[in-house]
PDB file of N, CA and C in Angstrom:
ATOM      1  N   MET A   1      23.659   5.175   8.220  1.00  0.00           N
ATOM      2  CA  MET A   1      22.209   5.512   8.087  1.00  0.00           C
ATOM      3  C   MET A   1      21.622   4.088   7.257  1.00  0.00           C
ATOM      4  N   SER A   2      20.140   4.116   7.562  1.00  0.00           N
ATOM      5  CA  SER A   2      19.832   2.441   7.133  1.00  0.00           C
ATOM      6  C   SER A   2      19.101   3.774   6.106  1.00  0.00           C
ATOM      7  N   SER A   3      19.456   2.231   4.866  1.00  0.00           N
ATOM      8  CA  SER A   3      18.297   2.563   3.696  1.00  0.00           C
ATOM      9  C   SER A   3      17.411   1.669   3.295  1.00  0.00           C
ATOM     10  N   LYS A   4      16.442   1.841   4.890  1.00  0.00           N
ATOM     11  CA  LYS A   4      15.520   1.149   4.469  1.00  0.00           C
ATOM     12  C   LYS A   4      14.520   2.793   5.431  1.00  0.00           C
ATOM     13  N   ILE A   5      13.632   3.239   4.587  1.00  0.00           N
ATOM     14  CA  ILE A   5      12.644   4.180   4.775  1.00  0.00           C
ATOM     15  C   ILE A   5      11.626   3.922   5.809  1.00  0.00           C
ATOM     16  N   GLU A   6      11.478   4.584   7.065  1.00  0.00           N
ATOM     17  CA  GLU A   6      10.730   4.548   7.683  1.00  0.00           C
ATOM     18  C   GLU A   6       9.802   5.136   8.661  1.00  0.00           C
ATOM     19  N   VAL A   7       8.574   4.721   8.874  1.00  0.00           N
ATOM     20  CA  VAL A   7       7.724   6.667   9.034  1.00  0.00           C
ATOM     21  C   VAL A   7       7.516   5.809  10.198  1.00  0.00           C
ATOM     22  N   ASN A   8       6.454   6.684  11.488  1.00  0.00           N
ATOM     23  CA  ASN A   8       5.907   6.979  12.683  1.00  0.00           C
ATOM     24  C   ASN A   8       5.328   6.089  12.987  1.00  0.00           C
ATOM     25  N   LYS A   9       4.548   5.217  14.097  1.00  0.00           N
ATOM     26  CA  LYS A   9       3.697   4.621  13.620  1.00  0.00           C
ATOM     27  C   LYS A   9       2.648   5.188  13.457  1.00  0.00           C
ATOM     28  N   GLU A  10       2.432   6.547  14.160  1.00  0.00           N
ATOM     29  CA  GLU A  10       0.705   7.307  13.440  1.00  0.00           C
ATOM     30  C   GLU A  10       0.588   7.500  11.982  1.00  0.00           C
ATOM     31  N   SER A  11       1.204   7.830  11.343  1.00  0.00           N
ATOM     32  CA  SER A  11       1.264   7.798   9.737  1.00  0.00           C
ATOM     33  C   SER A  11       1.811   6.295   8.752  1.00  0.00           C
ATOM     34  N   ARG A  12       1.808   5.149   9.652  1.00  0.00           N
ATOM     35  CA  ARG A  12       1.515   3.846   9.457  1.00  0.00           C
ATOM     36  C   ARG A  12       0.309   3.697   9.835  1.00  0.00           C
ATOM     37  N   GLU A  13       0.261   3.839  10.261  1.00  0.00           N
ATOM     38  CA  GLU A  13      -2.000   3.925  11.137  1.00  0.00           C
ATOM     39  C   GLU A  13      -2.497   4.120   9.519  1.00  0.00           C
ATOM     40  N   VAL A  14      -1.966   5.598   9.802  1.00  0.00           N
ATOM     41  CA  VAL A  14      -3.238   6.405   8.923  1.00  0.00           C
ATOM     42  C   VAL A  14      -2.387   5.694   6.919  1.00  0.00           C
ATOM     43  N   MET A  15      -1.497   5.300   7.007  1.00  0.00           N
ATOM     44  CA  MET A  15      -1.312   4.810   5.647  1.00  0.00           C
ATOM     45  C   MET A  15      -2.866   3.557   5.391  1.00  0.00           C
ATOM     46  N   ILE A  16      -2.095   2.541   6.427  1.00  0.00           N
ATOM     47  CA  ILE A  16      -3.076   1.069   6.767  1.00  0.00           C
ATOM     48  C   ILE A  16      -4.555   1.221   5.858  1.00  0.00           C
ATOM     49  N   ALA A  17      -4.901   2.934   7.087  1.00  0.00           N
ATOM     50  CA  ALA A  17      -6.078   3.251   6.858  1.00  0.00           C
ATOM     51  C   ALA A  17      -6.628   3.425   5.508  1.00  0.00           C
ATOM     52  N   GLU A  18      -5.698   3.695   4.724  1.00  0.00           N
ATOM     53  CA  GLU A  18      -5.892   4.472   3.651  1.00  0.00           C
ATOM     54  C   GLU A  18      -6.211   3.557   2.434  1.00  0.00           C
ATOM     55  N   ILE A  19      -5.047   2.510   2.616  1.00  0.00           N
ATOM     56  CA  ILE A  19      -4.928   0.972   2.185  1.00  0.00           C
ATOM     57  C   ILE A  19      -6.242   0.200   1.981  1.00  0.00           C
ATOM     58  N   LYS A  20      -6.687   0.243   3.043  1.00  0.00           N
ATOM     59  CA  LYS A  20      -8.426  -0.515   3.847  1.00  0.00           C
ATOM     60  C   LYS A  20      -8.696   0.039   2.653  1.00  0.00           C
ATOM     61  N   ALA A  21      -9.046   1.673   3.123  1.00  0.00           N
ATOM     62  CA  ALA A  21     -10.142   2.292   1.970  1.00  0.00           C
ATOM     63  C   ALA A  21      -9.872   1.878   1.077  1.00  0.00           C
ATOM     64  N   PHE A  22      -8.945   2.273   0.289  1.00  0.00           N
ATOM     65  CA  PHE A  22      -8.611   2.011  -1.276  1.00  0.00           C
ATOM     66  C   PHE A  22      -9.436  -0.081  -2.079  1.00  0.00           C
ATOM     67  N   PHE A  23      -8.696  -0.102  -1.457  1.00  0.00           N
ATOM     68  CA  PHE A  23      -9.138  -1.672  -1.682  1.00  0.00           C
ATOM     69  C   PHE A  23     -10.887  -2.135  -1.360  1.00  0.00           C
ATOM     70  N   SER A  24     -11.253  -1.481  -0.952  1.00  0.00           N
ATOM     71  CA  SER A  24     -12.870  -1.146  -0.653  1.00  0.00           C
ATOM     72  C   SER A  24     -13.380  -0.469  -1.578  1.00  0.00           C
ATOM     73  N   LYS A  25     -13.105   0.431  -1.777  1.00  0.00           N
ATOM     74  CA  LYS A  25     -13.583   0.922  -2.932  1.00  0.00           C
ATOM     75  C   LYS A  25     -13.211   0.564  -4.329  1.00  0.00           C
ATOM     76  N   GLU A  26     -11.941   0.443  -4.571  1.00  0.00           N
ATOM     77  CA  GLU A  26     -11.908   0.568  -5.319  1.00  0.00           C
ATOM     78  C   GLU A  26     -11.866  -0.818  -6.374  1.00  0.00           C
ATOM     79  N   ARG A  27     -12.095  -2.389  -5.274  1.00  0.00           N
ATOM     80  CA  ARG A  27     -11.843  -3.185  -6.138  1.00  0.00           C
ATOM     81  C   ARG A  27     -12.930  -4.645  -5.267  1.00  0.00           C
ATOM     82  N   ASP A  28     -13.564  -3.506  -4.231  1.00  0.00           N
ATOM     83  CA  ASP A  28     -15.277  -3.890  -3.725  1.00  0.00           C
ATOM     84  C   ASP A  28     -14.323  -5.430  -2.537  1.00  0.00           C
ATOM     85  N   GLU A  29     -13.239  -5.696  -2.062  1.00  0.00           N
ATOM     86  CA  GLU A  29     -12.269  -6.233  -1.325  1.00  0.00           C
ATOM     87  C   GLU A  29     -12.237  -4.854  -0.117  1.00  0.00           C
ATOM     88  N   ASP A  30     -12.313  -6.336   1.097  1.00  0.00           N
ATOM     89  CA  ASP A  30     -12.271  -6.337   2.339  1.00  0.00           C
ATOM     90  C   ASP A  30     -10.681  -6.313   3.556  1.00  0.00           C
ATOM     91  N   LEU A  31      -9.597  -5.567   3.028  1.00  0.00           N
ATOM     92  CA  LEU A  31      -8.722  -6.096   3.720  1.00  0.00           C
ATOM     93  C   LEU A  31      -9.094  -5.863   5.264  1.00  0.00           C
ATOM     94  N   GLY A  32      -7.958  -7.062   5.854  1.00  0.00           N
ATOM     95  CA  GLY A  32      -7.860  -6.830   7.735  1.00  0.00           C
ATOM     96  C   GLY A  32      -6.158  -5.694   7.863  1.00  0.00           C
ATOM     97  N   ASP A  33      -6.094  -5.443   8.994  1.00  0.00           N
ATOM     98  CA  ASP A  33      -4.864  -5.364   9.338  1.00  0.00           C
ATOM     99  C   ASP A  33      -3.417  -5.939   8.500  1.00  0.00           C
ATOM    100  N   LEU A  34      -3.881  -7.074   8.899  1.00  0.00           N
ATOM    101  CA  LEU A  34      -2.777  -7.985   8.193  1.00  0.00           C
ATOM    102  C   LEU A  34      -2.206  -7.289   6.977  1.00  0.00           C
ATOM    103  N   ALA A  35      -3.155  -7.498   6.282  1.00  0.00           N
ATOM    104  CA  ALA A  35      -3.041  -7.504   4.715  1.00  0.00           C
ATOM    105  C   ALA A  35      -2.846  -6.457   4.175  1.00  0.00           C
ATOM    106  N   ALA A  36      -3.200  -4.982   5.183  1.00  0.00           N
ATOM    107  CA  ALA A  36      -3.090  -4.143   4.380  1.00  0.00           C
ATOM    108  C   ALA A  36      -1.552  -3.744   4.651  1.00  0.00           C
ATOM    109  N   TYR A  37      -1.679  -3.989   5.848  1.00  0.00           N
ATOM    110  CA  TYR A  37       0.271  -3.939   5.915  1.00  0.00           C
ATOM    111  C   TYR A  37       1.170  -4.768   5.562  1.00  0.00           C
ATOM    112  N   LEU A  38       0.984  -5.619   5.074  1.00  0.00           N
ATOM    113  CA  LEU A  38       1.662  -6.688   4.081  1.00  0.00           C
ATOM    114  C   LEU A  38       1.785  -5.746   2.769  1.00  0.00           C
ATOM    115  N   VAL A  39       0.993  -5.723   2.396  1.00  0.00           N
ATOM    116  CA  VAL A  39       0.548  -3.916   1.011  1.00  0.00           C
ATOM    117  C   VAL A  39       1.695  -3.284   1.506  1.00  0.00           C
ATOM    118  N   LEU A  40       1.429  -2.508   2.540  1.00  0.00           N
ATOM    119  CA  LEU A  40       2.230  -1.027   3.351  1.00  0.00           C
ATOM    120  C   LEU A  40       3.649  -1.385   2.371  1.00  0.00           C
ATOM    121  N   ASP A  41       3.750  -2.182   3.246  1.00  0.00           N
ATOM    122  CA  ASP A  41       5.016  -3.156   3.665  1.00  0.00           C
ATOM    123  C   ASP A  41       5.967  -2.995   2.426  1.00  0.00           C
ATOM    124  N   PHE A  42       4.984  -4.017   1.294  1.00  0.00           N
ATOM    125  CA  PHE A  42       5.873  -4.367  -0.114  1.00  0.00           C
ATOM    126  C   PHE A  42       6.006  -2.908  -0.986  1.00  0.00           C
ATOM    127  N   PHE A  43       4.775  -1.933  -0.598  1.00  0.00           N
ATOM    128  CA  PHE A  43       5.147  -0.297  -1.492  1.00  0.00           C
ATOM    129  C   PHE A  43       6.655   0.129  -0.279  1.00  0.00           C
ATOM    130  N   MET A  44       7.019   0.310   0.492  1.00  0.00           N
ATOM    131  CA  MET A  44       7.380   0.508   1.407  1.00  0.00           C
ATOM    132  C   MET A  44       9.463  -0.265   1.133  1.00  0.00           C
ATOM    133  N   GLU A  45       8.966  -1.190   1.098  1.00  0.00           N
ATOM    134  CA  GLU A  45      10.351  -1.982   0.515  1.00  0.00           C
ATOM    135  C   GLU A  45      10.673  -1.451  -1.047  1.00  0.00           C
ATOM    136  N   LYS A  46      10.048  -1.424  -2.238  1.00  0.00           N
ATOM    137  CA  LYS A  46      10.218  -1.436  -3.574  1.00  0.00           C
ATOM    138  C   LYS A  46       9.920  -0.358  -3.996  1.00  0.00           C
ATOM    139  N   LEU A  47       9.046   0.219  -3.662  1.00  0.00           N
ATOM    140  CA  LEU A  47       8.583   1.851  -4.528  1.00  0.00           C
ATOM    141  C   LEU A  47       9.286   2.685  -3.551  1.00  0.00           C
ATOM    142  N   ALA A  48       8.887   3.287  -1.961  1.00  0.00           N
ATOM    143  CA  ALA A  48       9.194   4.355  -1.368  1.00  0.00           C
ATOM    144  C   ALA A  48      10.717   4.725  -1.688  1.00  0.00           C
ATOM    145  N   PRO A  49      11.529   3.956  -2.090  1.00  0.00           N
ATOM    146  CA  PRO A  49      13.162   4.575  -2.439  1.00  0.00           C
ATOM    147  C   PRO A  49      12.900   5.599  -3.380  1.00  0.00           C
ATOM    148  N   VAL A  50      12.133   5.032  -4.747  1.00  0.00           N
ATOM    149  CA  VAL A  50      12.589   5.539  -5.994  1.00  0.00           C
ATOM    150  C   VAL A  50      11.519   6.863  -5.720  1.00  0.00           C
ATOM    151  N   VAL A  51      10.813   6.908  -5.061  1.00  0.00           N
ATOM    152  CA  VAL A  51       9.917   8.312  -4.916  1.00  0.00           C
ATOM    153  C   VAL A  51      10.985   8.813  -4.042  1.00  0.00           C
ATOM    154  N   TYR A  52      11.174   8.411  -2.883  1.00  0.00           N
ATOM    155  CA  TYR A  52      12.607   8.928  -2.404  1.00  0.00           C
ATOM    156  C   TYR A  52      13.821  10.011  -3.082  1.00  0.00           C
ATOM    157  N   ASN A  53      14.328   8.881  -3.742  1.00  0.00           N
ATOM    158  CA  ASN A  53      15.613   9.640  -4.671  1.00  0.00           C
ATOM    159  C   ASN A  53      15.327  10.596  -5.385  1.00  0.00           C
ATOM    160  N   GLN A  54      13.652  10.361  -5.615  1.00  0.00           N
ATOM    161  CA  GLN A  54      13.405  11.447  -6.869  1.00  0.00           C
ATOM    162  C   GLN A  54      13.125  13.028  -6.336  1.00  0.00           C
ATOM    163  N   GLY A  55      12.757  12.690  -4.988  1.00  0.00           N
ATOM    164  CA  GLY A  55      12.351  13.696  -4.193  1.00  0.00           C
ATOM    165  C   GLY A  55      13.970  14.618  -3.967  1.00  0.00           C
ATOM    166  N   ILE A  56      14.735  13.888  -3.503  1.00  0.00           N
ATOM    167  CA  ILE A  56      16.183  14.378  -3.717  1.00  0.00           C
ATOM    168  C   ILE A  56      16.846  14.624  -4.496  1.00  0.00           C
ATOM    169  N   TYR A  57      16.282  14.071  -6.048  1.00  0.00           N
ATOM    170  CA  TYR A  57      17.348  14.501  -6.925  1.00  0.00           C
ATOM    171  C   TYR A  57      16.686  16.150  -7.969  1.00  0.00           C
ATOM    172  N   ASP A  58      14.932  15.931  -7.134  1.00  0.00           N
ATOM    173  CA  ASP A  58      14.833  17.179  -7.615  1.00  0.00           C
ATOM    174  C   ASP A  58      14.994  18.541  -6.514  1.00  0.00           C
ATOM    175  N   SER A  59      14.897  18.211  -5.617  1.00  0.00           N
ATOM    176  CA  SER A  59      15.700  18.984  -4.519  1.00  0.00           C
ATOM    177  C   SER A  59      17.424  19.740  -4.931  1.00  0.00           C
ATOM    178  N   TYR A  60      18.202  18.131  -5.059  1.00  0.00           N
ATOM    179  CA  TYR A  60      19.444  19.278  -5.841  1.00  0.00           C
ATOM    180  C   TYR A  60      19.045  19.642  -6.955  1.00  0.00           C
ATOM    181  N   LYS A  61      17.967  19.392  -7.970  1.00  0.00           N
ATOM    182  CA  LYS A  61      18.241  20.315  -9.435  1.00  0.00           C
ATOM    183  C   LYS A  61      17.433  21.753  -8.914  1.00  0.00           C
ATOM    184  N   TYR A  62      16.797  21.676  -8.117  1.00  0.00           N
ATOM    185  CA  TYR A  62      16.321  22.950  -7.593  1.00  0.00           C
ATOM    186  C   TYR A  62      17.097  23.983  -6.754  1.00  0.00           C
ATOM    187  N   MET A  63      18.063  23.206  -6.527  1.00  0.00           N
ATOM    188  CA  MET A  63      19.002  24.060  -5.091  1.00  0.00           C
ATOM    189  C   MET A  63      20.135  23.810  -6.401  1.00  0.00           C
ATOM    190  N   SER A  64      20.244  23.429  -7.016  1.00  0.00           N
ATOM    191  CA  SER A  64      21.129  24.246  -7.966  1.00  0.00           C
ATOM    192  C   SER A  64      21.409  24.843  -8.556  1.00  0.00           C
ATOM    193  N   GLU A  65      19.312  25.106  -9.258  1.00  0.00           N
ATOM    194  CA  GLU A  65      19.367  26.811 -10.152  1.00  0.00           C
ATOM    195  C   GLU A  65      19.212  27.570  -9.539  1.00  0.00           C
ATOM    196  N   ARG A  66      19.065  27.329  -7.894  1.00  0.00           N
ATOM    197  CA  ARG A  66      19.229  28.698  -7.334  1.00  0.00           C
ATOM    198  C   ARG A  66      20.669  29.603  -6.616  1.00  0.00           C
ATOM    199  N   THR A  67      21.483  28.368  -6.762  1.00  0.00           N
ATOM    200  CA  THR A  67      22.394  28.505  -6.452  1.00  0.00           C
ATOM    201  C   THR A  67      23.679  29.265  -8.299  1.00  0.00           C
ATOM    202  N   GLU A  68      23.405  28.962  -9.122  1.00  0.00           N
ATOM    203  CA  GLU A  68      22.983  29.658 -10.730  1.00  0.00           C
ATOM    204  C   GLU A  68      22.511  31.182 -10.145  1.00  0.00           C
ATOM    205  N   ASP A  69      21.458  30.772  -9.571  1.00  0.00           N
ATOM    206  CA  ASP A  69      20.857  32.002  -9.510  1.00  0.00           C
ATOM    207  C   ASP A  69      21.936  33.057  -8.637  1.00  0.00           C
ATOM    208  N   LEU A  70      21.990  32.346  -7.504  1.00  0.00           N
ATOM    209  CA  LEU A  70      22.210  33.554  -6.931  1.00  0.00           C
ATOM    210  C   LEU A  70      24.036  33.706  -7.351  1.00  0.00           C
ATOM    211  N   LEU A  71      24.866  33.015  -7.889  1.00  0.00           N
ATOM    212  CA  LEU A  71      25.710  33.709  -7.786  1.00  0.00           C
ATOM    213  C   LEU A  71      25.900  34.545  -9.107  1.00  0.00           C
ATOM    214  N   GLY A  72      24.598  34.648 -10.389  1.00  0.00           N
ATOM    215  CA  GLY A  72      24.721  35.827 -11.211  1.00  0.00           C
ATOM    216  C   GLY A  72      24.326  37.248 -10.709  1.00  0.00           C
ATOM    217  N   ILE A  73      24.438  37.514  -9.305  1.00  0.00           N
ATOM    218  CA  ILE A  73      24.140  38.695  -8.743  1.00  0.00           C
ATOM    219  C   ILE A  73      25.224  39.088  -8.344  1.00  0.00           C
ATOM    220  N   GLN A  74      26.169  38.682  -8.422  1.00  0.00           N
ATOM    221  CA  GLN A  74      27.990  38.731  -8.294  1.00  0.00           C
ATOM    222  C   GLN A  74      28.162  39.485  -8.943  1.00  0.00           C
ATOM    223  N   ARG A  75      28.884  40.860  -7.969  1.00  0.00           N
ATOM    224  CA  ARG A  75      29.600  42.517  -8.608  1.00  0.00           C
ATOM    225  C   ARG A  75      30.768  42.045  -9.826  1.00  0.00           C
TER     226      ARG A  75
END
């Protein structure tokens, strides 16, 4: 399994558009496609794994709690 988080082309294009819109609105900067791609690449490399791992932990915790609930109805 690859340790790099990847997204499909369509999702990547949407994220690049969102980055460009954010920089335009919040920083009054117009980013080109390449600059927005590099920002996205940075976030995907440095920040996405943290968010992904938190999602895995939250799912594990939720499922563990549900399993405990299920065991509580044993006869």
